[in-house]
C-alpha atoms as a PDB file:
ATOM      1  CA  MET A   1     -36.734 -23.128 -20.985  1.00  0.00           C
ATOM      2  CA  THR A   2     -33.803 -23.129 -18.565  1.00  0.00           C
ATOM      3  CA  THR A   3     -34.397 -23.360 -14.838  1.00  0.00           C
ATOM      4  CA  ALA A   4     -33.064 -20.895 -12.253  1.00  0.00           C
ATOM      5  CA  TYR A   5     -30.632 -23.606 -11.143  1.00  0.00           C
ATOM      6  CA  GLU A   6     -29.302 -24.002 -14.689  1.00  0.00           C
ATOM      7  CA  GLN A   7     -28.943 -20.218 -15.075  1.00  0.00           C
ATOM      8  CA  LEU A   8     -26.951 -19.924 -11.845  1.00  0.00           C
ATOM      9  CA  LYS A   9     -24.797 -22.906 -12.823  1.00  0.00           C
ATOM     10  CA  TYR A  10     -24.083 -21.307 -16.208  1.00  0.00           C
ATOM     11  CA  PHE A  11     -23.213 -18.001 -14.515  1.00  0.00           C
ATOM     12  CA  LEU A  12     -20.746 -19.737 -12.184  1.00  0.00           C
ATOM     13  CA  GLN A  13     -19.137 -21.737 -14.973  1.00  0.00           C
ATOM     14  CA  ASN A  14     -19.014 -19.176 -17.771  1.00  0.00           C
ATOM     15  CA  GLN A  15     -19.934 -15.618 -16.783  1.00  0.00           C
ATOM     16  CA  MET A  16     -18.498 -14.904 -13.324  1.00  0.00           C
ATOM     17  CA  GLN A  17     -15.576 -12.517 -13.645  1.00  0.00           C
ATOM     18  CA  MET A  18     -13.442 -12.230 -10.521  1.00  0.00           C
ATOM     19  CA  GLN A  19     -10.867  -9.797  -9.146  1.00  0.00           C
ATOM     20  CA  HIS A  20     -11.144 -11.405  -5.698  1.00  0.00           C
ATOM     21  CA  ILE A  21     -12.707 -14.391  -3.940  1.00  0.00           C
ATOM     22  CA  TYR A  22     -15.799 -12.503  -2.793  1.00  0.00           C
ATOM     23  CA  GLN A  23     -18.494 -13.623  -5.250  1.00  0.00           C
ATOM     24  CA  PRO A  24     -18.065 -17.419  -4.984  1.00  0.00           C
ATOM     25  CA  VAL A  25     -17.486 -17.268  -1.219  1.00  0.00           C
ATOM     26  CA  MET A  26     -20.674 -15.236  -0.737  1.00  0.00           C
ATOM     27  CA  LEU A  27     -22.746 -17.553  -2.917  1.00  0.00           C
ATOM     28  CA  ARG A  28     -21.297 -20.643  -1.238  1.00  0.00           C
ATOM     29  CA  THR A  29     -22.165 -19.259   2.196  1.00  0.00           C
ATOM     30  CA  ILE A  30     -25.756 -18.491   1.188  1.00  0.00           C
ATOM     31  CA  LEU A  31     -26.143 -21.922  -0.415  1.00  0.00           C
ATOM     32  CA  GLN A  32     -24.662 -23.716   2.604  1.00  0.00           C
ATOM     33  CA  ASN A  33     -27.047 -21.826   4.923  1.00  0.00           C
ATOM     34  CA  GLY A  34     -30.109 -23.025   3.049  1.00  0.00           C
ATOM     35  CA  GLY A  35     -30.560 -20.005   0.781  1.00  0.00           C
ATOM     36  CA  LYS A  36     -29.891 -17.061   3.077  1.00  0.00           C
ATOM     37  CA  ALA A  37     -27.074 -15.597   5.158  1.00  0.00           C
ATOM     38  CA  THR A  38     -26.534 -12.419   7.161  1.00  0.00           C
ATOM     39  CA  VAL A  39     -23.874  -9.858   6.256  1.00  0.00           C
ATOM     40  CA  ARG A  40     -21.963 -10.927   9.385  1.00  0.00           C
ATOM     41  CA  GLU A  41     -22.035 -14.600   8.361  1.00  0.00           C
ATOM     42  CA  ILE A  42     -20.738 -13.754   4.881  1.00  0.00           C
ATOM     43  CA  ALA A  43     -18.053 -11.462   6.306  1.00  0.00           C
ATOM     44  CA  GLN A  44     -16.952 -14.258   8.658  1.00  0.00           C
ATOM     45  CA  GLU A  45     -16.384 -16.501   5.648  1.00  0.00           C
ATOM     46  CA  PHE A  46     -14.276 -13.784   3.989  1.00  0.00           C
ATOM     47  CA  LEU A  47     -12.287 -13.495   7.203  1.00  0.00           C
ATOM     48  CA  ARG A  48     -11.775 -17.255   7.346  1.00  0.00           C
ATOM     49  CA  GLY A  49      -9.768 -17.062   4.128  1.00  0.00           C
ATOM     50  CA  ASP A  50      -7.936 -13.804   4.857  1.00  0.00           C
ATOM     51  CA  ARG A  51      -4.314 -14.855   5.223  1.00  0.00           C
ATOM     52  CA  SER A  52      -3.180 -11.473   6.526  1.00  0.00           C
ATOM     53  CA  GLN A  53      -5.620 -11.700   9.453  1.00  0.00           C
ATOM     54  CA  LEU A  54      -4.703 -15.323  10.150  1.00  0.00           C
ATOM     55  CA  GLU A  55      -0.982 -14.485  10.107  1.00  0.00           C
ATOM     56  CA  TYR A  56      -1.611 -11.596  12.489  1.00  0.00           C
ATOM     57  CA  TYR A  57      -3.338 -13.805  15.057  1.00  0.00           C
ATOM     58  CA  GLU A  58      -0.775 -16.595  14.623  1.00  0.00           C
ATOM     59  CA  LYS A  59       1.870 -14.069  15.661  1.00  0.00           C
ATOM     60  CA  ILE A  60      -0.274 -12.864  18.593  1.00  0.00           C
ATOM     61  CA  THR A  61      -0.829 -16.476  19.702  1.00  0.00           C
ATOM     62  CA  LYS A  62       2.888 -17.197  19.887  1.00  0.00           C
ATOM     63  CA  GLN A  63       4.040 -13.877  21.333  1.00  0.00           C
ATOM     64  CA  VAL A  64       1.435 -13.238  24.029  1.00  0.00           C
ATOM     65  CA  PRO A  65      -0.909 -15.941  25.425  1.00  0.00           C
ATOM     66  CA  GLY A  66       1.238 -18.824  24.183  1.00  0.00           C
ATOM     67  CA  ASN A  67       4.311 -17.551  26.049  1.00  0.00           C
ATOM     68  CA  VAL A  68       2.407 -16.703  29.229  1.00  0.00           C
ATOM     69  CA  LEU A  69       0.535 -20.008  29.457  1.00  0.00           C
ATOM     70  CA  ALA A  70       3.716 -21.959  28.680  1.00  0.00           C
ATOM     71  CA  ARG A  71       5.622 -20.145  31.458  1.00  0.00           C
ATOM     72  CA  ARG A  72       2.750 -21.003  33.814  1.00  0.00           C
ATOM     73  CA  HIS A  73       3.153 -24.686  32.864  1.00  0.00           C
ATOM     74  CA  ILE A  74      -0.401 -24.908  31.531  1.00  0.00           C
ATOM     75  CA  VAL A  75       0.335 -25.550  27.860  1.00  0.00           C
ATOM     76  CA  GLN A  76       3.254 -26.843  25.811  1.00  0.00           C
ATOM     77  CA  ARG A  77       4.088 -26.013  22.217  1.00  0.00           C
ATOM     78  CA  HIS A  78       4.759 -28.842  19.773  1.00  0.00           C
ATOM     79  CA  GLY A  79       5.662 -27.352  16.382  1.00  0.00           C
ATOM     80  CA  SER A  80       2.582 -25.467  15.202  1.00  0.00           C
ATOM     81  CA  GLU A  81       0.369 -26.990  17.908  1.00  0.00           C
ATOM     82  CA  TYR A  82      -0.329 -26.099  21.543  1.00  0.00           C
ATOM     83  CA  ARG A  83      -1.323 -28.854  23.947  1.00  0.00           C
ATOM     84  CA  LEU A  84      -2.321 -28.956  27.584  1.00  0.00           C
ATOM     85  CA  ILE A  85       0.498 -30.306  29.760  1.00  0.00           C
ATOM     86  CA  PRO A  86       0.315 -34.084  30.277  1.00  0.00           C
ATOM     87  CA  SER A  87      -1.160 -33.804  33.778  1.00  0.00           C
ATOM     88  CA  LEU A  88      -4.154 -31.905  32.318  1.00  0.00           C
ATOM     89  CA  SER A  89      -4.681 -34.185  29.339  1.00  0.00           C
ATOM     90  CA  GLU A  90      -7.032 -36.564  31.171  1.00  0.00           C
ATOM     91  CA  LEU A  91      -9.741 -34.071  32.165  1.00  0.00           C
ATOM     92  CA  THR A  92     -13.257 -35.440  32.446  1.00  0.00           C
ATOM     93  CA  GLY A  93     -16.102 -34.033  30.394  1.00  0.00           C
ATOM     94  CA  ASN A  94     -17.545 -32.220  33.414  1.00  0.00           C
ATOM     95  CA  GLU A  95     -14.150 -30.749  34.298  1.00  0.00           C
ATOM     96  CA  ARG A  96     -13.713 -29.425  30.759  1.00  0.00           C
ATOM     97  CA  THR A  97     -17.207 -27.903  30.812  1.00  0.00           C
ATOM     98  CA  GLU A  98     -16.518 -26.172  34.135  1.00  0.00           C
ATOM     99  CA  LEU A  99     -13.172 -24.784  32.966  1.00  0.00           C
ATOM    100  CA  ILE A 100     -14.700 -23.519  29.702  1.00  0.00           C
ATOM    101  CA  GLU A 101     -17.389 -21.697  31.693  1.00  0.00           C
ATOM    102  CA  LEU A 102     -14.679 -20.128  33.866  1.00  0.00           C
ATOM    103  CA  CYS A 103     -12.957 -18.885  30.682  1.00  0.00           C
ATOM    104  CA  ASN A 104     -16.263 -17.374  29.527  1.00  0.00           C
ATOM    105  CA  LYS A 105     -16.765 -15.751  32.932  1.00  0.00           C
ATOM    106  CA  LYS A 106     -13.290 -14.173  32.777  1.00  0.00           C
ATOM    107  CA  LEU A 107     -14.140 -12.729  29.361  1.00  0.00           C
ATOM    108  CA  ARG A 108     -17.452 -11.302  30.568  1.00  0.00           C
ATOM    109  CA  LEU A 109     -15.859  -9.675  33.642  1.00  0.00           C
ATOM    110  CA  PHE A 110     -13.081  -8.166  31.508  1.00  0.00           C
ATOM    111  CA  LEU A 111     -15.503  -6.632  29.031  1.00  0.00           C
ATOM    112  CA  GLU A 112     -17.945  -5.382  31.680  1.00  0.00           C
ATOM    113  CA  ALA A 113     -15.162  -3.695  33.673  1.00  0.00           C
ATOM    114  CA  ARG A 114     -13.701  -1.856  30.691  1.00  0.00           C
ATOM    115  CA  SER A 115     -16.578  -1.477  28.228  1.00  0.00           C
ATOM    116  CA  LEU A 116     -14.122  -2.305  25.466  1.00  0.00           C
ATOM    117  CA  ASP A 117     -14.315  -4.006  22.139  1.00  0.00           C
ATOM    118  CA  PRO A 118     -11.497  -6.598  22.461  1.00  0.00           C
ATOM    119  CA  TRP A 119     -10.792  -6.367  18.729  1.00  0.00           C
ATOM    120  CA  GLU A 120     -10.611  -2.573  18.573  1.00  0.00           C
ATOM    121  CA  HIS A 121      -6.858  -2.683  17.961  1.00  0.00           C
ATOM    122  CA  ARG A 122      -7.474  -4.390  14.632  1.00  0.00           C
ATOM    123  CA  ARG A 123      -9.847  -1.765  13.282  1.00  0.00           C
ATOM    124  CA  LYS A 124      -8.307   0.213  10.419  1.00  0.00           C
ATOM    125  CA  VAL A 125      -7.804   3.854  11.309  1.00  0.00           C
ATOM    126  CA  GLY A 126      -9.485   5.538   8.356  1.00  0.00           C
ATOM    127  CA  TYR A 127     -11.112   3.150   5.901  1.00  0.00           C
ATOM    128  CA  VAL A 128      -9.315   2.846   2.572  1.00  0.00           C
ATOM    129  CA  PRO A 129     -11.923   2.528  -0.218  1.00  0.00           C
ATOM    130  CA  GLY A 130     -11.730  -0.530  -2.430  1.00  0.00           C
ATOM    131  CA  SER A 131     -10.911   1.494  -5.541  1.00  0.00           C
ATOM    132  CA  LEU A 132      -7.889   3.047  -3.795  1.00  0.00           C
ATOM    133  CA  ARG A 133      -6.763  -0.357  -2.459  1.00  0.00           C
ATOM    134  CA  TYR A 134      -6.902  -1.696  -6.001  1.00  0.00           C
ATOM    135  CA  GLU A 135      -4.795   1.205  -7.331  1.00  0.00           C
ATOM    136  CA  VAL A 136      -2.165   0.730  -4.603  1.00  0.00           C
ATOM    137  CA  LEU A 137      -1.872  -3.017  -5.199  1.00  0.00           C
ATOM    138  CA  LYS A 138      -1.794  -2.531  -8.982  1.00  0.00           C
ATOM    139  CA  ARG A 139       0.916   0.127  -8.695  1.00  0.00           C
ATOM    140  CA  ALA A 140       2.987  -2.238  -6.530  1.00  0.00           C
ATOM    141  CA  GLY A 141       2.739  -4.965  -9.162  1.00  0.00           C
ATOM    142  CA  GLY A 142       1.316  -7.412  -6.628  1.00  0.00           C
ATOM    143  CA  ARG A 143       4.451  -7.280  -4.460  1.00  0.00           C
ATOM    144  CA  CYS A 144       5.360  -5.870  -1.045  1.00  0.00           C
ATOM    145  CA  GLU A 145       7.019  -2.486  -1.576  1.00  0.00           C
ATOM    146  CA  ALA A 146       9.427  -3.166   1.305  1.00  0.00           C
ATOM    147  CA  CYS A 147      10.681  -6.750   0.871  1.00  0.00           C
ATOM    148  CA  GLY A 148       9.353  -7.601  -2.612  1.00  0.00           C
ATOM    149  CA  VAL A 149       7.463 -10.766  -1.638  1.00  0.00           C
ATOM    150  CA  SER A 150       4.654 -11.701  -4.060  1.00  0.00           C
ATOM    151  CA  VAL A 151       0.966 -11.581  -3.108  1.00  0.00           C
ATOM    152  CA  GLU A 152       0.870 -15.245  -4.123  1.00  0.00           C
ATOM    153  CA  THR A 153       3.249 -16.018  -1.255  1.00  0.00           C
ATOM    154  CA  LYS A 154       1.958 -13.640   1.427  1.00  0.00           C
ATOM    155  CA  ALA A 155      -1.159 -11.486   1.653  1.00  0.00           C
ATOM    156  CA  LEU A 156      -0.641  -7.759   1.099  1.00  0.00           C
ATOM    157  CA  GLU A 157      -2.085  -4.911   3.169  1.00  0.00           C
ATOM    158  CA  VAL A 158      -2.496  -1.243   2.258  1.00  0.00           C
ATOM    159  CA  ASP A 159      -0.435   0.829   4.689  1.00  0.00           C
ATOM    160  CA  HIS A 160      -0.460   4.557   5.409  1.00  0.00           C
ATOM    161  CA  ILE A 161       3.144   5.729   5.064  1.00  0.00           C
ATOM    162  CA  VAL A 162       2.425   8.550   7.506  1.00  0.00           C
ATOM    163  CA  PRO A 163      -0.203   6.963   9.827  1.00  0.00           C
ATOM    164  CA  ARG A 164      -3.688   8.437   9.941  1.00  0.00           C
ATOM    165  CA  ASN A 165      -3.365   9.111  13.672  1.00  0.00           C
ATOM    166  CA  LYS A 166      -0.233  11.168  12.885  1.00  0.00           C
ATOM    167  CA  GLY A 167      -1.942  13.280  10.236  1.00  0.00           C
ATOM    168  CA  GLY A 168      -1.491  11.023   7.198  1.00  0.00           C
ATOM    169  CA  SER A 169      -4.228  11.127   4.563  1.00  0.00           C
ATOM    170  CA  ASN A 170      -5.903   8.622   2.249  1.00  0.00           C
ATOM    171  CA  ASP A 171      -4.242  10.301  -0.721  1.00  0.00           C
ATOM    172  CA  LEU A 172      -2.751   7.719  -3.076  1.00  0.00           C
ATOM    173  CA  THR A 173       0.697   9.229  -2.534  1.00  0.00           C
ATOM    174  CA  ASN A 174       0.530   8.315   1.179  1.00  0.00           C
ATOM    175  CA  LEU A 175      -0.358   4.662   0.602  1.00  0.00           C
ATOM    176  CA  GLN A 176       1.860   1.661  -0.031  1.00  0.00           C
ATOM    177  CA  ALA A 177       1.441  -2.098  -0.334  1.00  0.00           C
ATOM    178  CA  LEU A 178       3.149  -4.068   2.437  1.00  0.00           C
ATOM    179  CA  CYS A 179       2.995  -7.744   3.300  1.00  0.00           C
ATOM    180  CA  TYR A 180       1.704  -8.544   6.766  1.00  0.00           C
ATOM    181  CA  THR A 181       5.211  -9.089   8.165  1.00  0.00           C
ATOM    182  CA  CYS A 182       6.645  -5.783   6.924  1.00  0.00           C
ATOM    183  CA  ASN A 183       3.545  -3.881   8.009  1.00  0.00           C
ATOM    184  CA  ALA A 184       3.715  -5.404  11.491  1.00  0.00           C
ATOM    185  CA  GLN A 185       7.443  -4.669  11.781  1.00  0.00           C
ATOM    186  CA  LYS A 186       6.875  -1.089  10.648  1.00  0.00           C
ATOM    187  CA  ARG A 187       4.324  -0.605  13.440  1.00  0.00           C
ATOM    188  CA  ASP A 188       6.389  -2.373  16.067  1.00  0.00           C
ATOM    189  CA  THR A 189       9.837  -0.930  15.404  1.00  0.00           C
ATOM    190  CA  ASP A 190       9.426   2.399  13.619  1.00  0.00           C
ATOM    191  CA  SER A 191      10.392   5.096  16.120  1.00  0.00           C
ATOM    192  CA  THR A 192      10.173   7.992  13.675  1.00  0.00           C
ATOM    193  CA  ASP A 193       8.731  11.176  15.156  1.00  0.00           C
ATOM    194  CA  PHE A 194       5.953  11.510  12.597  1.00  0.00           C
ATOM    195  CA  HIS A 195       4.938  14.941  13.864  1.00  0.00           C
ATOM    196  CA  ALA A 196       8.447  16.194  13.136  1.00  0.00           C
ATOM    197  CA  LEU A 197       8.397  14.321   9.828  1.00  0.00           C
ATOM    198  CA  LYS A 198       5.172  16.056   8.851  1.00  0.00           C
ATOM    199  CA  GLU A 199       6.766  19.429   9.581  1.00  0.00           C
ATOM    200  CA  THR A 200       9.665  18.700   7.209  1.00  0.00           C
ATOM    201  CA  PHE A 201       7.221  18.594   4.271  1.00  0.00           C
ATOM    202  CA  LYS A 202       6.663  22.315   4.835  1.00  0.00           C
ATOM    203  CA  LYS A 203      10.344  23.127   4.322  1.00  0.00           C
ATOM    204  CA  ARG A 204      10.941  25.941   1.814  1.00  0.00           C
ATOM    205  CA  ARG A 205      14.133  27.939   1.174  1.00  0.00           C
ATOM    206  CA  LYS A 206      14.119  31.686   0.607  1.00  0.00           C
ATOM    207  CA  GLY A 207      15.600  32.558  -2.753  1.00  0.00           C
ATOM    208  CA  CYS A 208      15.065  29.079  -4.233  1.00  0.00           C
ATOM    209  CA  PRO A 209      13.475  29.520  -7.690  1.00  0.00           C
ATOM    210  CA  PHE A 210      11.264  26.437  -7.217  1.00  0.00           C
ATOM    211  CA  CYS A 211      10.119  27.048  -3.623  1.00  0.00           C
ATOM    212  CA  GLY A 212       7.808  29.938  -4.540  1.00  0.00           C
ATOM    213  CA  ILE A 213       6.800  29.096  -8.076  1.00  0.00           C
ATOM    214  CA  GLU A 214       3.985  26.598  -7.480  1.00  0.00           C
ATOM    215  CA  ALA A 215       1.100  29.057  -7.123  1.00  0.00           C
ATOM    216  CA  ARG A 216       2.156  31.046 -10.214  1.00  0.00           C
ATOM    217  CA  LYS A 217       3.225  28.346 -12.672  1.00  0.00           C
ATOM    218  CA  SER A 218       1.729  25.031 -11.583  1.00  0.00           C
ATOM    219  CA  ILE A 219      -0.088  22.985 -14.266  1.00  0.00           C
ATOM    220  CA  MET A 220      -1.256  20.328 -11.832  1.00  0.00           C
ATOM    221  CA  GLY A 221      -0.208  18.979  -8.462  1.00  0.00           C
ATOM    222  CA  ASN A 222      -0.992  16.946  -5.365  1.00  0.00           C
ATOM    223  CA  GLU A 223      -0.135  17.125  -1.681  1.00  0.00           C
ATOM    224  CA  LEU A 224       3.611  16.715  -2.111  1.00  0.00           C
ATOM    225  CA  ALA A 225       4.567  17.645  -5.682  1.00  0.00           C
ATOM    226  CA  PHE A 226       3.589  19.860  -8.604  1.00  0.00           C
ATOM    227  CA  ALA A 227       4.298  20.174 -12.326  1.00  0.00           C
ATOM    228  CA  ILE A 228       5.287  23.181 -14.427  1.00  0.00           C
ATOM    229  CA  TYR A 229       6.400  23.643 -18.021  1.00  0.00           C
ATOM    230  CA  ASP A 230      10.163  24.115 -18.352  1.00  0.00           C
ATOM    231  CA  LYS A 231      11.174  27.749 -18.923  1.00  0.00           C
ATOM    232  CA  TYR A 232      13.758  26.603 -21.485  1.00  0.00           C
ATOM    233  CA  PRO A 233      12.045  23.578 -23.117  1.00  0.00           C
ATOM    234  CA  VAL A 234      14.001  20.985 -25.042  1.00  0.00           C
ATOM    235  CA  THR A 235      10.789  20.079 -26.896  1.00  0.00           C
ATOM    236  CA  GLN A 236       7.224  21.411 -26.745  1.00  0.00           C
ATOM    237  CA  PHE A 237       5.482  20.526 -23.430  1.00  0.00           C
ATOM    238  CA  HIS A 238       8.803  19.749 -21.724  1.00  0.00           C
ATOM    239  CA  THR A 239       7.652  19.475 -18.097  1.00  0.00           C
ATOM    240  CA  LEU A 240       9.321  19.685 -14.693  1.00  0.00           C
ATOM    241  CA  ILE A 241       7.889  17.619 -11.834  1.00  0.00           C
ATOM    242  CA  ILE A 242       8.997  19.147  -8.535  1.00  0.00           C
ATOM    243  CA  PRO A 243       8.642  17.999  -4.902  1.00  0.00           C
ATOM    244  CA  LYS A 244       7.191  20.819  -2.786  1.00  0.00           C
ATOM    245  CA  ARG A 245       9.641  20.240   0.058  1.00  0.00           C
ATOM    246  CA  HIS A 246      13.009  21.883  -0.469  1.00  0.00           C
ATOM    247  CA  LEU A 247      15.591  19.128  -0.879  1.00  0.00           C
ATOM    248  CA  SER A 248      18.691  19.028  -3.002  1.00  0.00           C
ATOM    249  CA  ASN A 249      18.250  15.800  -4.967  1.00  0.00           C
ATOM    250  CA  LEU A 250      16.140  12.698  -5.515  1.00  0.00           C
ATOM    251  CA  PHE A 251      18.195  10.552  -3.142  1.00  0.00           C
ATOM    252  CA  LYS A 252      16.830  12.543  -0.198  1.00  0.00           C
ATOM    253  CA  MET A 253      13.174  12.009  -1.051  1.00  0.00           C
ATOM    254  CA  TYR A 254      10.748  10.139   1.184  1.00  0.00           C
ATOM    255  CA  GLN A 255       8.779   7.262  -0.308  1.00  0.00           C
ATOM    256  CA  SER A 256       5.600   9.323  -0.152  1.00  0.00           C
ATOM    257  CA  GLU A 257       7.281  12.021  -2.278  1.00  0.00           C
ATOM    258  CA  LEU A 258       8.432   9.426  -4.792  1.00  0.00           C
ATOM    259  CA  ASN A 259       4.825   8.209  -4.959  1.00  0.00           C
ATOM    260  CA  ALA A 260       3.615  11.775  -5.517  1.00  0.00           C
ATOM    261  CA  VAL A 261       6.102  12.327  -8.352  1.00  0.00           C
ATOM    262  CA  HIS A 262       5.197   8.957  -9.877  1.00  0.00           C
ATOM    263  CA  LYS A 263       1.497   9.889  -9.859  1.00  0.00           C
ATOM    264  CA  LEU A 264       2.140  13.261 -11.541  1.00  0.00           C
ATOM    265  CA  LEU A 265       4.423  11.641 -14.101  1.00  0.00           C
ATOM    266  CA  TYR A 266       1.571   9.448 -15.364  1.00  0.00           C
ATOM    267  CA  GLU A 267      -0.966  12.281 -15.228  1.00  0.00           C
ATOM    268  CA  MET A 268       1.277  14.663 -17.184  1.00  0.00           C
ATOM    269  CA  ARG A 269       2.092  12.000 -19.759  1.00  0.00           C
ATOM    270  CA  ALA A 270      -1.635  11.460 -20.358  1.00  0.00           C
ATOM    271  CA  THR A 271      -2.226  15.223 -20.609  1.00  0.00           C
ATOM    272  CA  ILE A 272       0.585  15.732 -23.121  1.00  0.00           C
ATOM    273  CA  VAL A 273      -0.433  12.811 -25.328  1.00  0.00           C
ATOM    274  CA  ALA A 274      -4.031  14.053 -25.344  1.00  0.00           C
ATOM    275  CA  ARG A 275      -2.896  17.537 -26.449  1.00  0.00           C
ATOM    276  CA  ASP A 276      -0.395  16.403 -29.068  1.00  0.00           C
ATOM    277  CA  ARG A 277      -0.931  13.131 -30.918  1.00  0.00           C
ATOM    278  CA  THR A 278       2.475  13.446 -32.592  1.00  0.00           C
ATOM    279  CA  VAL A 279       4.192  12.567 -29.289  1.00  0.00           C
ATOM    280  CA  GLU A 280       5.351   8.951 -29.463  1.00  0.00           C
ATOM    281  CA  GLY A 281       7.926   8.736 -26.699  1.00  0.00           C
ATOM    282  CA  PHE A 282       9.422  10.418 -23.626  1.00  0.00           C
ATOM    283  CA  ASN A 283      12.704  10.947 -21.844  1.00  0.00           C
ATOM    284  CA  PHE A 284      12.391  11.085 -18.067  1.00  0.00           C
ATOM    285  CA  GLY A 285      15.123  11.738 -15.540  1.00  0.00           C
ATOM    286  CA  ALA A 286      16.792  13.975 -13.003  1.00  0.00           C
ATOM    287  CA  ASN A 287      20.168  15.646 -12.570  1.00  0.00           C
ATOM    288  CA  ALA A 288      21.627  14.972  -9.111  1.00  0.00           C
ATOM    289  CA  GLY A 289      24.659  17.130  -8.332  1.00  0.00           C
ATOM    290  CA  GLU A 290      26.561  19.841 -10.167  1.00  0.00           C
ATOM    291  CA  VAL A 291      28.832  17.371 -11.977  1.00  0.00           C
ATOM    292  CA  ALA A 292      25.677  15.712 -13.341  1.00  0.00           C
ATOM    293  CA  GLY A 293      24.473  19.048 -14.711  1.00  0.00           C
ATOM    294  CA  GLN A 294      22.119  20.145 -11.908  1.00  0.00           C
ATOM    295  CA  THR A 295      21.860  23.953 -11.932  1.00  0.00           C
ATOM    296  CA  VAL A 296      18.903  24.530  -9.567  1.00  0.00           C
ATOM    297  CA  PRO A 297      19.626  23.090  -6.085  1.00  0.00           C
ATOM    298  CA  HIS A 298      16.040  21.921  -5.618  1.00  0.00           C
ATOM    299  CA  CYS A 299      15.204  18.360  -6.689  1.00  0.00           C
ATOM    300  CA  HIS A 300      13.215  18.189  -9.926  1.00  0.00           C
ATOM    301  CA  PHE A 301      12.482  15.721 -12.712  1.00  0.00           C
ATOM    302  CA  HIS A 302      12.357  16.337 -16.466  1.00  0.00           C
ATOM    303  CA  LEU A 303       9.596  14.807 -18.587  1.00  0.00           C
ATOM    304  CA  ILE A 304      10.551  15.467 -22.227  1.00  0.00           C
ATOM    305  CA  PRO A 305       8.097  14.535 -25.018  1.00  0.00           C
ATOM    306  CA  ARG A 306       9.680  12.996 -28.099  1.00  0.00           C
ATOM    307  CA  ARG A 307       8.379  13.033 -31.664  1.00  0.00           C
ATOM    308  CA  PRO A 308       9.511  11.222 -34.785  1.00  0.00           C
ATOM    309  CA  ASN A 309      12.551  12.874 -36.427  1.00  0.00           C
ATOM    310  CA  ASP A 310      12.983  15.499 -33.681  1.00  0.00           C
ATOM    311  CA  VAL A 311      16.695  14.570 -33.844  1.00  0.00           C
ATOM    312  CA  GLU A 312      18.632  12.842 -36.589  1.00  0.00           C
ATOM    313  CA  ASP A 313      19.404   9.696 -34.580  1.00  0.00           C
ATOM    314  CA  PRO A 314      17.659   9.216 -31.200  1.00  0.00           C
ATOM    315  CA  ARG A 315      19.289   5.883 -30.379  1.00  0.00           C
ATOM    316  CA  GLY A 316      20.839   5.787 -26.916  1.00  0.00           C
ATOM    317  CA  GLY A 317      18.416   8.378 -25.557  1.00  0.00           C
ATOM    318  CA  ILE A 318      19.439   9.451 -22.076  1.00  0.00           C
ATOM    319  CA  ARG A 319      22.974   8.164 -22.675  1.00  0.00           C
ATOM    320  CA  GLY A 320      23.394  11.462 -24.541  1.00  0.00           C
ATOM    321  CA  VAL A 321      24.198  13.228 -21.248  1.00  0.00           C
ATOM    322  CA  ILE A 322      27.736  12.247 -22.263  1.00  0.00           C
ATOM    323  CA  SER A 323      27.508  13.040 -25.951  1.00  0.00           C
ATOM    324  CA  ASN A 324      30.203  10.725 -27.276  1.00  0.00           C
ATOM    325  CA  LYS A 325      28.615   7.772 -25.443  1.00  0.00           C
ATOM    326  CA  GLN A 326      25.085   8.161 -26.758  1.00  0.00           C
ATOM    327  CA  LEU A 327      25.427   5.703 -29.615  1.00  0.00           C
ATOM    328  CA  TYR A 328      26.294   2.047 -29.046  1.00  0.00           C
ATOM    329  CA  VAL A 329      29.610   2.065 -30.893  1.00  0.00           C
END
């Protein structure tokens, strides 16, 4: 009969399936604490290995207290290390103890005077559930959607494209994966008037055939886009995916609108395949400009199901927009 120790050892070696570091870190913490640990103690161990948090506070250290204390000739920076200036390097044990207590007193007075949580600025505005975080990171392919850096090189954060405090939602179409650096730069330098930006999503044009069709023809939709079946289908279930905001072509879309279209594209593909098992392929694309064949001046995307033998020779696919260039000859 196996012991509890042997069962746990076997689980760790052979059965533990991981999508993150959480399980082994939690077990290690409990084991190191003699068989028990509080939620706070376990969370602190998660935090210890969170590169995005560490990078954030490294930046804070250099930009704020490091600069101030260096200008006051209290510390000096040597590479990645801060040291007391030479004249303070020979403090006695009692002197160090007294100065540490003065630091603690300053902290207490600050907190008592303001009744503030000093870490409040790091709280996420609107918690993003783990399942949504996973979808965002999976969609991004494990890379920052701004600079392309891999999660193996720099930790990724889930960012609200339109911030929560500016009306942005937790909808998947409003989320993106950014590395810590890009996310910090977005917060620090982005001067976009998000209230005005939010208003642009309501833009509709009188007389536009796509600006009033959603309620009557929509198959499915989300906050920023909807899908309808094409009035003149190339094949059965030929679908149009249309941003709700009136804009002339895809090159004027915001990232959140591209995300919304991308989400509907996958949902409509799944719906079509479920309804018709003969569908084995798709053409997907958009016409941008009259010379490219655009006839409705409202951005829209075509999702065209393809079936075996629906044309004599399908090779070249979308190259057929210029008929004599479709085949590779």
